Amino acid sequence: MNTTTRWWWVRHAPVRVNDGRIYGQADHPCDCTDEALFKALATQLPQDAVWVTSTLLRTIQTADALRAAGATGPEPTRESGFAEQSFGDWQGLKYAELQETRGESWHRFWLAPAHEAPPGGESFVDLMDRVAPVIDRLTVEHRGRDIVAVTHGGTIRAAIAHALQLPPETALAFSIDNVSLTRLEHVDGPGLGHGWRVATVNYMAA
């Protein structure tokens, strides 16, 4: 018998301090004032789901806003492994400043090529290696359940890469907008291989 575990990935709302700076793991609050968007997304989320966030404030606030807008579920647990990529010494710099200094080393879809770690930070590959074991653990712990995970753009790209077994550079090409929904499903059972499928990527409810 096959069993499906459904992941509902939501990227956090826009950070309030957003003047073109790199924030990474800097713990900024976010703007959850778009009531229509939150209500629309809340209607798309399943009842009786497990809820998780990262340990960063913007994901916690986004989850709280979705629940206030009508989404149902228990108090989210917080997973440090789902935090955004750490950009180390680049955090606090403006994107334009970094692009100017890095020249041809700039990545068109991300801050750096997937295997490059900023000074004092981690690479996207490091992020993938951090996120995947948490996904696998929670998929086993909550087998057959819905899991609403309110996290970050980098984390969701890493989740897609894990599900589809994508090369890291390919995963960086996915657009993941604020308050968007990405749905991944894990189906286990005889003869199903790795068992992941993608239902929706970067869906905006309103």
N, C-alpha and C. Protein backbone atom coordinates (compact mmCIF):
# COMPACT_ATOMS: atom_id res chain seq x y z
N MET A 1 0.84 -1.20 0.00
CA MET A 1 0.00 0.00 0.00
C MET A 1 0.87 1.25 0.00
N ASN A 2 0.55 2.21 -0.85
CA ASN A 2 1.32 3.44 -0.95
C ASN A 2 0.83 4.47 0.07
N THR A 3 1.75 5.25 0.58
CA THR A 3 1.42 6.30 1.55
C THR A 3 2.05 7.61 1.08
N THR A 4 1.25 8.69 1.05
CA THR A 4 1.72 9.99 0.57
C THR A 4 1.87 10.96 1.74
N THR A 5 3.03 11.56 1.84
CA THR A 5 3.29 12.63 2.80
C THR A 5 3.42 13.92 2.00
N ARG A 6 2.58 14.90 2.31
CA ARG A 6 2.48 16.12 1.50
C ARG A 6 3.15 17.29 2.22
N TRP A 7 4.10 17.91 1.53
CA TRP A 7 4.79 19.09 2.05
C TRP A 7 4.23 20.34 1.39
N TRP A 8 3.83 21.31 2.23
CA TRP A 8 3.31 22.59 1.76
C TRP A 8 4.32 23.66 2.18
N TRP A 9 5.20 24.03 1.26
CA TRP A 9 6.28 24.98 1.56
C TRP A 9 5.80 26.40 1.28
N VAL A 10 5.93 27.28 2.26
CA VAL A 10 5.55 28.69 2.11
C VAL A 10 6.77 29.55 2.41
N ARG A 11 7.10 30.44 1.50
CA ARG A 11 8.17 31.39 1.79
C ARG A 11 7.61 32.53 2.64
N HIS A 12 8.42 33.01 3.57
CA HIS A 12 8.00 34.08 4.48
C HIS A 12 7.61 35.35 3.73
N ALA A 13 6.91 36.25 4.43
CA ALA A 13 6.54 37.56 3.90
C ALA A 13 7.79 38.44 3.75
N PRO A 14 7.70 39.53 2.97
CA PRO A 14 8.87 40.40 2.78
C PRO A 14 9.36 40.98 4.09
N VAL A 15 10.68 41.06 4.22
CA VAL A 15 11.24 41.66 5.43
C VAL A 15 10.96 43.16 5.44
N ARG A 16 10.83 43.71 6.65
CA ARG A 16 10.54 45.14 6.77
C ARG A 16 11.75 45.99 6.44
N VAL A 17 12.94 45.50 6.76
CA VAL A 17 14.17 46.23 6.43
C VAL A 17 14.64 45.69 5.09
N ASN A 18 14.16 46.30 4.03
CA ASN A 18 14.45 45.77 2.70
C ASN A 18 14.84 46.91 1.76
N ASP A 19 16.06 47.39 1.94
CA ASP A 19 16.56 48.48 1.10
C ASP A 19 17.63 47.98 0.15
N GLY A 20 17.44 46.76 -0.34
CA GLY A 20 18.40 46.20 -1.29
C GLY A 20 19.59 45.57 -0.62
N ARG A 21 19.45 45.20 0.65
CA ARG A 21 20.56 44.58 1.37
C ARG A 21 20.38 43.06 1.48
N ILE A 22 21.50 42.40 1.62
CA ILE A 22 21.51 40.95 1.81
C ILE A 22 21.26 40.67 3.28
N TYR A 23 20.22 39.87 3.59
CA TYR A 23 19.95 39.62 5.00
C TYR A 23 20.22 38.18 5.42
N GLY A 24 20.09 37.19 4.54
CA GLY A 24 20.48 35.84 4.90
C GLY A 24 19.91 35.39 6.23
N GLN A 25 20.79 35.14 7.21
CA GLN A 25 20.35 34.70 8.52
C GLN A 25 20.20 35.86 9.52
N ALA A 26 20.36 37.11 9.06
CA ALA A 26 20.05 38.24 9.93
C ALA A 26 18.56 38.17 10.28
N ASP A 27 18.22 38.40 11.53
CA ASP A 27 16.87 38.08 12.01
C ASP A 27 15.95 39.29 11.98
N HIS A 28 15.49 39.67 10.78
CA HIS A 28 14.62 40.81 10.61
C HIS A 28 13.14 40.41 10.69
N PRO A 29 12.27 41.29 11.20
CA PRO A 29 10.83 41.04 11.14
C PRO A 29 10.33 41.21 9.71
N CYS A 30 9.10 40.75 9.45
CA CYS A 30 8.56 40.84 8.10
C CYS A 30 7.22 41.57 8.10
N ASP A 31 6.77 41.92 6.90
CA ASP A 31 5.54 42.68 6.71
C ASP A 31 4.40 41.73 6.37
N CYS A 32 3.48 41.55 7.32
CA CYS A 32 2.35 40.63 7.13
C CYS A 32 1.03 41.39 7.00
N THR A 33 1.06 42.60 6.44
CA THR A 33 -0.13 43.45 6.41
C THR A 33 -1.04 43.19 5.20
N ASP A 34 -0.60 42.36 4.25
CA ASP A 34 -1.43 42.09 3.06
C ASP A 34 -2.50 41.06 3.44
N GLU A 35 -3.59 41.52 4.02
CA GLU A 35 -4.61 40.63 4.55
C GLU A 35 -5.24 39.76 3.46
N ALA A 36 -5.48 40.34 2.29
CA ALA A 36 -6.10 39.57 1.21
C ALA A 36 -5.22 38.40 0.79
N LEU A 37 -3.92 38.64 0.69
CA LEU A 37 -3.00 37.57 0.29
C LEU A 37 -2.97 36.46 1.34
N PHE A 38 -2.90 36.84 2.61
CA PHE A 38 -2.82 35.84 3.66
C PHE A 38 -4.12 35.03 3.75
N LYS A 39 -5.26 35.70 3.60
CA LYS A 39 -6.53 34.98 3.65
C LYS A 39 -6.65 34.02 2.46
N ALA A 40 -6.22 34.46 1.29
CA ALA A 40 -6.29 33.61 0.11
C ALA A 40 -5.40 32.37 0.28
N LEU A 41 -4.19 32.57 0.79
CA LEU A 41 -3.29 31.43 0.97
C LEU A 41 -3.80 30.51 2.08
N ALA A 42 -4.34 31.10 3.14
CA ALA A 42 -4.85 30.29 4.26
C ALA A 42 -5.91 29.30 3.79
N THR A 43 -6.74 29.69 2.81
CA THR A 43 -7.78 28.80 2.31
C THR A 43 -7.21 27.63 1.52
N GLN A 44 -5.96 27.77 1.04
CA GLN A 44 -5.33 26.72 0.24
C GLN A 44 -4.63 25.68 1.11
N LEU A 45 -4.38 26.00 2.37
CA LEU A 45 -3.60 25.11 3.22
C LEU A 45 -4.49 24.06 3.87
N PRO A 46 -3.96 22.87 4.11
CA PRO A 46 -4.78 21.76 4.63
C PRO A 46 -5.09 21.92 6.11
N GLN A 47 -6.21 21.35 6.52
CA GLN A 47 -6.53 21.24 7.93
C GLN A 47 -5.78 20.05 8.53
N ASP A 48 -5.62 20.08 9.84
CA ASP A 48 -4.99 18.97 10.56
C ASP A 48 -3.58 18.67 10.04
N ALA A 49 -2.84 19.73 9.70
CA ALA A 49 -1.46 19.55 9.25
C ALA A 49 -0.49 19.75 10.40
N VAL A 50 0.70 19.20 10.24
CA VAL A 50 1.82 19.53 11.10
C VAL A 50 2.42 20.84 10.60
N TRP A 51 2.76 21.76 11.50
CA TRP A 51 3.34 23.03 11.10
C TRP A 51 4.77 23.14 11.62
N VAL A 52 5.68 23.60 10.74
CA VAL A 52 7.06 23.87 11.15
C VAL A 52 7.49 25.20 10.55
N THR A 53 8.41 25.87 11.23
CA THR A 53 9.06 27.07 10.70
C THR A 53 10.56 26.91 10.92
N SER A 54 11.31 27.87 10.41
CA SER A 54 12.70 27.95 10.83
C SER A 54 12.75 28.66 12.18
N THR A 55 13.93 28.92 12.67
CA THR A 55 14.08 29.63 13.94
C THR A 55 14.12 31.14 13.76
N LEU A 56 14.04 31.62 12.53
CA LEU A 56 14.13 33.06 12.26
C LEU A 56 12.75 33.71 12.35
N LEU A 57 12.74 34.94 12.86
CA LEU A 57 11.50 35.64 13.20
C LEU A 57 10.56 35.77 12.01
N ARG A 58 11.07 36.02 10.83
CA ARG A 58 10.18 36.28 9.69
C ARG A 58 9.34 35.06 9.32
N THR A 59 9.84 33.85 9.56
CA THR A 59 9.02 32.68 9.28
C THR A 59 7.98 32.46 10.38
N ILE A 60 8.36 32.75 11.61
CA ILE A 60 7.42 32.60 12.73
C ILE A 60 6.27 33.59 12.58
N GLN A 61 6.59 34.84 12.22
CA GLN A 61 5.54 35.85 12.03
C GLN A 61 4.63 35.49 10.86
N THR A 62 5.19 34.96 9.78
CA THR A 62 4.38 34.58 8.63
C THR A 62 3.43 33.44 8.99
N ALA A 63 3.92 32.44 9.71
CA ALA A 63 3.06 31.35 10.14
C ALA A 63 1.95 31.86 11.05
N ASP A 64 2.28 32.76 11.97
CA ASP A 64 1.27 33.33 12.87
C ASP A 64 0.20 34.09 12.07
N ALA A 65 0.63 34.84 11.05
CA ALA A 65 -0.31 35.60 10.23
C ALA A 65 -1.23 34.69 9.44
N LEU A 66 -0.71 33.59 8.92
CA LEU A 66 -1.55 32.63 8.19
C LEU A 66 -2.58 31.99 9.11
N ARG A 67 -2.18 31.67 10.32
CA ARG A 67 -3.11 31.07 11.27
C ARG A 67 -4.16 32.09 11.70
N ALA A 68 -3.75 33.36 11.84
CA ALA A 68 -4.70 34.41 12.18
C ALA A 68 -5.68 34.65 11.03
N ALA A 69 -5.25 34.37 9.79
CA ALA A 69 -6.09 34.57 8.61
C ALA A 69 -7.02 33.40 8.34
N GLY A 70 -6.96 32.36 9.16
CA GLY A 70 -7.90 31.26 9.01
C GLY A 70 -7.30 29.88 8.83
N ALA A 71 -5.98 29.80 8.62
CA ALA A 71 -5.36 28.48 8.52
C ALA A 71 -5.43 27.78 9.88
N THR A 72 -5.59 26.48 9.85
CA THR A 72 -5.72 25.72 11.10
C THR A 72 -4.51 24.84 11.31
N GLY A 73 -4.25 24.54 12.57
CA GLY A 73 -3.14 23.66 12.87
C GLY A 73 -2.54 23.97 14.22
N PRO A 74 -1.72 23.08 14.74
CA PRO A 74 -1.10 23.29 16.04
C PRO A 74 0.00 24.34 15.98
N GLU A 75 0.48 24.74 17.14
CA GLU A 75 1.61 25.67 17.21
C GLU A 75 2.79 25.07 16.45
N PRO A 76 3.42 25.85 15.55
CA PRO A 76 4.52 25.29 14.76
C PRO A 76 5.73 24.94 15.63
N THR A 77 6.41 23.88 15.26
CA THR A 77 7.72 23.60 15.82
C THR A 77 8.77 24.36 15.02
N ARG A 78 9.90 24.61 15.62
CA ARG A 78 10.95 25.40 14.97
C ARG A 78 12.16 24.53 14.68
N GLU A 79 12.55 24.54 13.42
CA GLU A 79 13.66 23.72 12.97
C GLU A 79 14.83 24.61 12.54
N SER A 80 15.91 24.55 13.29
CA SER A 80 17.08 25.38 12.96
C SER A 80 17.68 24.97 11.62
N GLY A 81 17.51 23.70 11.24
CA GLY A 81 18.05 23.25 9.96
C GLY A 81 17.36 23.84 8.76
N PHE A 82 16.20 24.48 8.96
CA PHE A 82 15.47 25.11 7.86
C PHE A 82 15.77 26.60 7.73
N ALA A 83 16.72 27.12 8.49
CA ALA A 83 17.07 28.54 8.37
C ALA A 83 17.64 28.84 6.99
N GLU A 84 17.59 30.11 6.60
CA GLU A 84 18.13 30.54 5.31
C GLU A 84 19.64 30.32 5.28
N GLN A 85 20.18 30.29 4.09
CA GLN A 85 21.63 30.20 3.92
C GLN A 85 22.32 31.35 4.64
N SER A 86 23.40 31.04 5.34
CA SER A 86 24.20 32.09 5.97
C SER A 86 25.15 32.68 4.94
N PHE A 87 25.07 33.99 4.75
CA PHE A 87 25.96 34.66 3.81
C PHE A 87 27.15 35.32 4.51
N GLY A 88 27.35 35.01 5.78
CA GLY A 88 28.55 35.43 6.48
C GLY A 88 28.81 36.92 6.40
N ASP A 89 30.01 37.27 5.92
CA ASP A 89 30.44 38.66 5.86
C ASP A 89 29.65 39.48 4.84
N TRP A 90 28.89 38.81 3.96
CA TRP A 90 28.10 39.54 2.97
C TRP A 90 26.79 40.07 3.55
N GLN A 91 26.35 39.53 4.67
CA GLN A 91 25.10 39.99 5.26
C GLN A 91 25.22 41.44 5.70
N GLY A 92 24.25 42.26 5.28
CA GLY A 92 24.28 43.68 5.55
C GLY A 92 24.77 44.51 4.38
N LEU A 93 25.46 43.87 3.42
CA LEU A 93 25.88 44.58 2.21
C LEU A 93 24.69 44.75 1.28
N LYS A 94 24.76 45.76 0.42
CA LYS A 94 23.75 45.90 -0.62
C LYS A 94 24.11 44.99 -1.79
N TYR A 95 23.06 44.47 -2.44
CA TYR A 95 23.28 43.59 -3.59
C TYR A 95 24.15 44.28 -4.64
N ALA A 96 23.88 45.55 -4.88
CA ALA A 96 24.63 46.29 -5.90
C ALA A 96 26.10 46.39 -5.54
N GLU A 97 26.39 46.56 -4.25
CA GLU A 97 27.78 46.65 -3.80
C GLU A 97 28.51 45.33 -4.05
N LEU A 98 27.85 44.24 -3.71
CA LEU A 98 28.47 42.94 -3.89
C LEU A 98 28.67 42.63 -5.37
N GLN A 99 27.66 42.93 -6.18
CA GLN A 99 27.78 42.66 -7.61
C GLN A 99 28.93 43.46 -8.22
N GLU A 100 29.09 44.70 -7.76
CA GLU A 100 30.16 45.55 -8.30
C GLU A 100 31.53 45.00 -7.95
N THR A 101 31.70 44.50 -6.75
CA THR A 101 33.01 44.01 -6.33
C THR A 101 33.33 42.63 -6.88
N ARG A 102 32.30 41.83 -7.16
CA ARG A 102 32.54 40.45 -7.60
C ARG A 102 32.65 40.30 -9.11
N GLY A 103 32.13 41.25 -9.86
CA GLY A 103 32.27 41.20 -11.31
C GLY A 103 31.71 39.92 -11.90
N GLU A 104 32.54 39.18 -12.64
CA GLU A 104 32.10 37.98 -13.33
C GLU A 104 31.80 36.81 -12.39
N SER A 105 32.19 36.94 -11.13
CA SER A 105 31.91 35.88 -10.16
C SER A 105 30.48 35.92 -9.64
N TRP A 106 29.74 36.97 -10.02
CA TRP A 106 28.34 37.11 -9.59
C TRP A 106 27.50 36.05 -10.28
N HIS A 107 26.57 35.44 -9.54
CA HIS A 107 25.65 34.45 -10.10
C HIS A 107 24.36 35.14 -10.48
N ARG A 108 23.85 34.91 -11.68
CA ARG A 108 22.70 35.67 -12.17
C ARG A 108 21.43 35.42 -11.36
N PHE A 109 21.30 34.25 -10.72
CA PHE A 109 20.09 33.95 -9.96
C PHE A 109 20.31 33.93 -8.45
N TRP A 110 21.52 34.01 -8.00
CA TRP A 110 21.83 33.86 -6.57
C TRP A 110 23.03 34.74 -6.29
N LEU A 111 23.53 34.73 -5.07
CA LEU A 111 24.66 35.61 -4.75
C LEU A 111 25.99 35.05 -5.20
N ALA A 112 26.05 33.73 -5.34
CA ALA A 112 27.31 33.08 -5.70
C ALA A 112 27.01 31.73 -6.32
N PRO A 113 27.96 31.17 -7.07
CA PRO A 113 27.78 29.80 -7.55
C PRO A 113 27.50 28.85 -6.38
N ALA A 114 26.83 27.76 -6.68
CA ALA A 114 26.28 26.90 -5.63
C ALA A 114 27.34 26.34 -4.68
N HIS A 115 28.56 26.14 -5.15
CA HIS A 115 29.59 25.53 -4.31
C HIS A 115 30.44 26.57 -3.58
N GLU A 116 30.19 27.84 -3.81
CA GLU A 116 31.02 28.87 -3.18
C GLU A 116 30.41 29.34 -1.87
N ALA A 117 31.22 29.33 -0.81
CA ALA A 117 30.79 29.82 0.50
C ALA A 117 31.31 31.24 0.70
N PRO A 118 30.45 32.21 1.01
CA PRO A 118 30.92 33.55 1.34
C PRO A 118 31.84 33.49 2.56
N PRO A 119 32.71 34.47 2.73
CA PRO A 119 33.58 34.49 3.92
C PRO A 119 32.74 34.42 5.20
N GLY A 120 33.02 33.44 6.03
CA GLY A 120 32.28 33.29 7.28
C GLY A 120 30.89 32.72 7.13
N GLY A 121 30.51 32.27 5.92
CA GLY A 121 29.17 31.77 5.69
C GLY A 121 29.17 30.36 5.14
N GLU A 122 28.10 30.00 4.45
CA GLU A 122 27.99 28.66 3.88
C GLU A 122 27.55 28.75 2.43
N SER A 123 27.89 27.74 1.66
CA SER A 123 27.48 27.67 0.27
C SER A 123 26.06 27.15 0.16
N PHE A 124 25.49 27.26 -1.05
CA PHE A 124 24.17 26.68 -1.27
C PHE A 124 24.22 25.16 -1.12
N VAL A 125 25.33 24.56 -1.50
CA VAL A 125 25.50 23.12 -1.30
C VAL A 125 25.47 22.79 0.19
N ASP A 126 26.11 23.62 1.00
CA ASP A 126 26.05 23.43 2.45
C ASP A 126 24.60 23.51 2.94
N LEU A 127 23.85 24.47 2.40
CA LEU A 127 22.44 24.60 2.77
C LEU A 127 21.67 23.33 2.39
N MET A 128 21.89 22.82 1.18
CA MET A 128 21.23 21.59 0.76
C MET A 128 21.55 20.44 1.71
N ASP A 129 22.82 20.34 2.11
CA ASP A 129 23.23 19.27 3.01
C ASP A 129 22.60 19.42 4.40
N ARG A 130 22.28 20.64 4.78
CA ARG A 130 21.65 20.90 6.07
C ARG A 130 20.15 20.63 6.03
N VAL A 131 19.50 20.99 4.92
CA VAL A 131 18.05 20.90 4.81
C VAL A 131 17.59 19.45 4.58
N ALA A 132 18.28 18.71 3.74
CA ALA A 132 17.81 17.38 3.33
C ALA A 132 17.59 16.43 4.51
N PRO A 133 18.50 16.32 5.49
CA PRO A 133 18.25 15.39 6.59
C PRO A 133 17.02 15.76 7.43
N VAL A 134 16.73 17.06 7.53
CA VAL A 134 15.54 17.48 8.28
C VAL A 134 14.28 17.06 7.55
N ILE A 135 14.27 17.25 6.22
CA ILE A 135 13.13 16.80 5.41
C ILE A 135 12.92 15.30 5.57
N ASP A 136 14.01 14.54 5.46
CA ASP A 136 13.89 13.08 5.56
C ASP A 136 13.37 12.66 6.94
N ARG A 137 13.89 13.30 7.98
CA ARG A 137 13.45 12.95 9.34
C ARG A 137 11.97 13.25 9.55
N LEU A 138 11.54 14.44 9.14
CA LEU A 138 10.14 14.81 9.35
C LEU A 138 9.20 14.00 8.46
N THR A 139 9.67 13.62 7.28
CA THR A 139 8.85 12.78 6.40
C THR A 139 8.59 11.42 7.05
N VAL A 140 9.58 10.89 7.73
CA VAL A 140 9.40 9.62 8.44
C VAL A 140 8.53 9.81 9.68
N GLU A 141 8.81 10.87 10.44
CA GLU A 141 8.06 11.11 11.69
C GLU A 141 6.58 11.35 11.44
N HIS A 142 6.26 12.01 10.31
CA HIS A 142 4.88 12.39 10.03
C HIS A 142 4.37 11.71 8.75
N ARG A 143 4.75 10.49 8.57
CA ARG A 143 4.40 9.73 7.38
C ARG A 143 2.89 9.73 7.17
N GLY A 144 2.48 10.10 5.95
CA GLY A 144 1.08 10.14 5.59
C GLY A 144 0.35 11.40 5.99
N ARG A 145 1.06 12.37 6.57
CA ARG A 145 0.44 13.61 7.02
C ARG A 145 0.71 14.74 6.03
N ASP A 146 0.03 15.87 6.26
CA ASP A 146 0.36 17.13 5.60
C ASP A 146 1.31 17.89 6.51
N ILE A 147 2.36 18.48 5.92
CA ILE A 147 3.33 19.27 6.67
C ILE A 147 3.41 20.64 6.03
N VAL A 148 3.01 21.67 6.78
CA VAL A 148 3.14 23.06 6.32
C VAL A 148 4.47 23.59 6.86
N ALA A 149 5.38 23.94 5.96
CA ALA A 149 6.71 24.42 6.34
C ALA A 149 6.88 25.86 5.87
N VAL A 150 6.90 26.79 6.81
CA VAL A 150 7.08 28.21 6.49
C VAL A 150 8.56 28.52 6.65
N THR A 151 9.24 28.73 5.54
CA THR A 151 10.69 28.85 5.59
C THR A 151 11.18 29.97 4.66
N HIS A 152 12.23 29.70 3.91
CA HIS A 152 12.95 30.72 3.16
C HIS A 152 13.13 30.30 1.70
N GLY A 153 13.45 31.27 0.86
CA GLY A 153 13.64 30.97 -0.55
C GLY A 153 14.73 29.94 -0.79
N GLY A 154 15.87 30.10 -0.13
CA GLY A 154 16.96 29.14 -0.30
C GLY A 154 16.59 27.77 0.21
N THR A 155 15.90 27.72 1.33
CA THR A 155 15.47 26.44 1.90
C THR A 155 14.53 25.70 0.95
N ILE A 156 13.60 26.44 0.35
CA ILE A 156 12.64 25.81 -0.56
C ILE A 156 13.33 25.34 -1.84
N ARG A 157 14.27 26.10 -2.35
CA ARG A 157 15.05 25.64 -3.50
C ARG A 157 15.80 24.35 -3.14
N ALA A 158 16.35 24.31 -1.94
CA ALA A 158 17.06 23.10 -1.50
C ALA A 158 16.11 21.92 -1.40
N ALA A 159 14.87 22.16 -0.96
CA ALA A 159 13.89 21.09 -0.86
C ALA A 159 13.52 20.55 -2.24
N ILE A 160 13.36 21.46 -3.22
CA ILE A 160 13.06 21.02 -4.59
C ILE A 160 14.22 20.20 -5.14
N ALA A 161 15.43 20.66 -4.91
CA ALA A 161 16.61 19.94 -5.38
C ALA A 161 16.69 18.55 -4.76
N HIS A 162 16.35 18.47 -3.49
CA HIS A 162 16.38 17.17 -2.80
C HIS A 162 15.32 16.24 -3.39
N ALA A 163 14.13 16.77 -3.62
CA ALA A 163 13.05 15.94 -4.15
C ALA A 163 13.36 15.43 -5.56
N LEU A 164 13.90 16.30 -6.40
CA LEU A 164 14.12 15.95 -7.81
C LEU A 164 15.54 15.47 -8.09
N GLN A 165 16.37 15.43 -7.04
CA GLN A 165 17.78 15.05 -7.20
C GLN A 165 18.47 15.91 -8.25
N LEU A 166 18.26 17.22 -8.12
CA LEU A 166 18.81 18.17 -9.08
C LEU A 166 20.23 18.57 -8.74
N PRO A 167 21.04 18.90 -9.75
CA PRO A 167 22.34 19.51 -9.47
C PRO A 167 22.12 20.85 -8.76
N PRO A 168 22.99 21.23 -7.84
CA PRO A 168 22.80 22.48 -7.10
C PRO A 168 22.62 23.70 -7.99
N GLU A 169 23.40 23.83 -9.04
CA GLU A 169 23.29 25.00 -9.91
C GLU A 169 21.92 25.08 -10.56
N THR A 170 21.34 23.94 -10.91
CA THR A 170 20.01 23.92 -11.52
C THR A 170 18.96 24.41 -10.53
N ALA A 171 19.10 24.03 -9.27
CA ALA A 171 18.12 24.42 -8.25
C ALA A 171 18.07 25.93 -8.05
N LEU A 172 19.19 26.61 -8.29
CA LEU A 172 19.22 28.06 -8.09
C LEU A 172 18.38 28.81 -9.12
N ALA A 173 17.95 28.14 -10.18
CA ALA A 173 17.17 28.81 -11.22
C ALA A 173 15.69 28.94 -10.86
N PHE A 174 15.23 28.30 -9.78
CA PHE A 174 13.82 28.40 -9.41
C PHE A 174 13.53 29.75 -8.76
N SER A 175 12.43 30.39 -9.19
CA SER A 175 11.94 31.60 -8.54
C SER A 175 11.01 31.18 -7.40
N ILE A 176 11.27 31.72 -6.22
CA ILE A 176 10.43 31.45 -5.05
C ILE A 176 10.09 32.80 -4.43
N ASP A 177 8.87 33.27 -4.68
CA ASP A 177 8.46 34.60 -4.23
C ASP A 177 7.98 34.58 -2.78
N ASN A 178 7.97 35.76 -2.17
CA ASN A 178 7.44 35.89 -0.82
C ASN A 178 5.97 35.47 -0.77
N VAL A 179 5.60 34.72 0.24
CA VAL A 179 4.24 34.23 0.49
C VAL A 179 3.74 33.38 -0.68
N SER A 180 4.66 32.70 -1.35
CA SER A 180 4.27 31.76 -2.39
C SER A 180 4.21 30.35 -1.80
N LEU A 181 3.52 29.47 -2.52
CA LEU A 181 3.33 28.09 -2.08
C LEU A 181 4.00 27.14 -3.06
N THR A 182 4.78 26.21 -2.52
CA THR A 182 5.39 25.13 -3.30
C THR A 182 4.99 23.81 -2.65
N ARG A 183 4.43 22.91 -3.43
CA ARG A 183 3.94 21.62 -2.89
C ARG A 183 4.77 20.47 -3.44
N LEU A 184 5.34 19.71 -2.52
CA LEU A 184 6.09 18.50 -2.85
C LEU A 184 5.44 17.32 -2.14
N GLU A 185 5.43 16.18 -2.78
CA GLU A 185 4.80 15.00 -2.19
C GLU A 185 5.78 13.82 -2.19
N HIS A 186 5.85 13.14 -1.07
CA HIS A 186 6.66 11.92 -0.98
C HIS A 186 5.73 10.73 -0.91
N VAL A 187 5.85 9.84 -1.88
CA VAL A 187 5.02 8.64 -1.96
C VAL A 187 5.91 7.43 -1.73
N ASP A 188 5.65 6.70 -0.65
CA ASP A 188 6.44 5.49 -0.42
C ASP A 188 5.57 4.26 -0.62
N GLY A 189 6.22 3.20 -1.05
CA GLY A 189 5.53 1.95 -1.34
C GLY A 189 6.40 1.10 -2.23
N PRO A 190 6.01 -0.12 -2.51
CA PRO A 190 6.83 -1.04 -3.30
C PRO A 190 7.09 -0.52 -4.71
N GLY A 191 8.34 -0.58 -5.12
CA GLY A 191 8.71 -0.28 -6.51
C GLY A 191 8.59 1.17 -6.92
N LEU A 192 8.68 2.11 -5.96
CA LEU A 192 8.48 3.52 -6.30
C LEU A 192 9.78 4.32 -6.36
N GLY A 193 10.93 3.67 -6.22
CA GLY A 193 12.18 4.41 -6.27
C GLY A 193 12.26 5.44 -5.15
N HIS A 194 12.75 6.64 -5.51
CA HIS A 194 12.92 7.66 -4.47
C HIS A 194 11.58 8.30 -4.07
N GLY A 195 10.54 8.22 -4.93
CA GLY A 195 9.18 8.49 -4.49
C GLY A 195 8.74 9.94 -4.40
N TRP A 196 9.54 10.91 -4.81
CA TRP A 196 9.13 12.31 -4.72
C TRP A 196 8.48 12.77 -6.02
N ARG A 197 7.48 13.64 -5.89
CA ARG A 197 6.90 14.30 -7.05
C ARG A 197 6.59 15.74 -6.69
N VAL A 198 6.51 16.59 -7.71
CA VAL A 198 6.27 18.01 -7.53
C VAL A 198 4.87 18.33 -8.00
N ALA A 199 4.06 18.95 -7.11
CA ALA A 199 2.70 19.33 -7.46
C ALA A 199 2.61 20.77 -7.92
N THR A 200 3.30 21.68 -7.22
CA THR A 200 3.22 23.12 -7.50
C THR A 200 4.52 23.80 -7.07
N VAL A 201 4.97 24.74 -7.86
CA VAL A 201 6.13 25.55 -7.48
C VAL A 201 5.77 27.03 -7.63
N ASN A 202 6.01 27.81 -6.56
CA ASN A 202 5.90 29.26 -6.59
C ASN A 202 4.49 29.74 -6.94
N TYR A 203 3.49 29.07 -6.39
CA TYR A 203 2.09 29.47 -6.62
C TYR A 203 1.72 30.64 -5.72
N MET A 204 1.11 31.68 -6.31
CA MET A 204 0.64 32.84 -5.55
C MET A 204 -0.87 32.76 -5.45
N ALA A 205 -1.38 32.76 -4.21
CA ALA A 205 -2.81 32.58 -4.00
C ALA A 205 -3.63 33.78 -4.41
N ALA A 206 -3.04 34.96 -4.44
CA ALA A 206 -3.79 36.16 -4.82
C ALA A 206 -2.87 37.14 -5.54
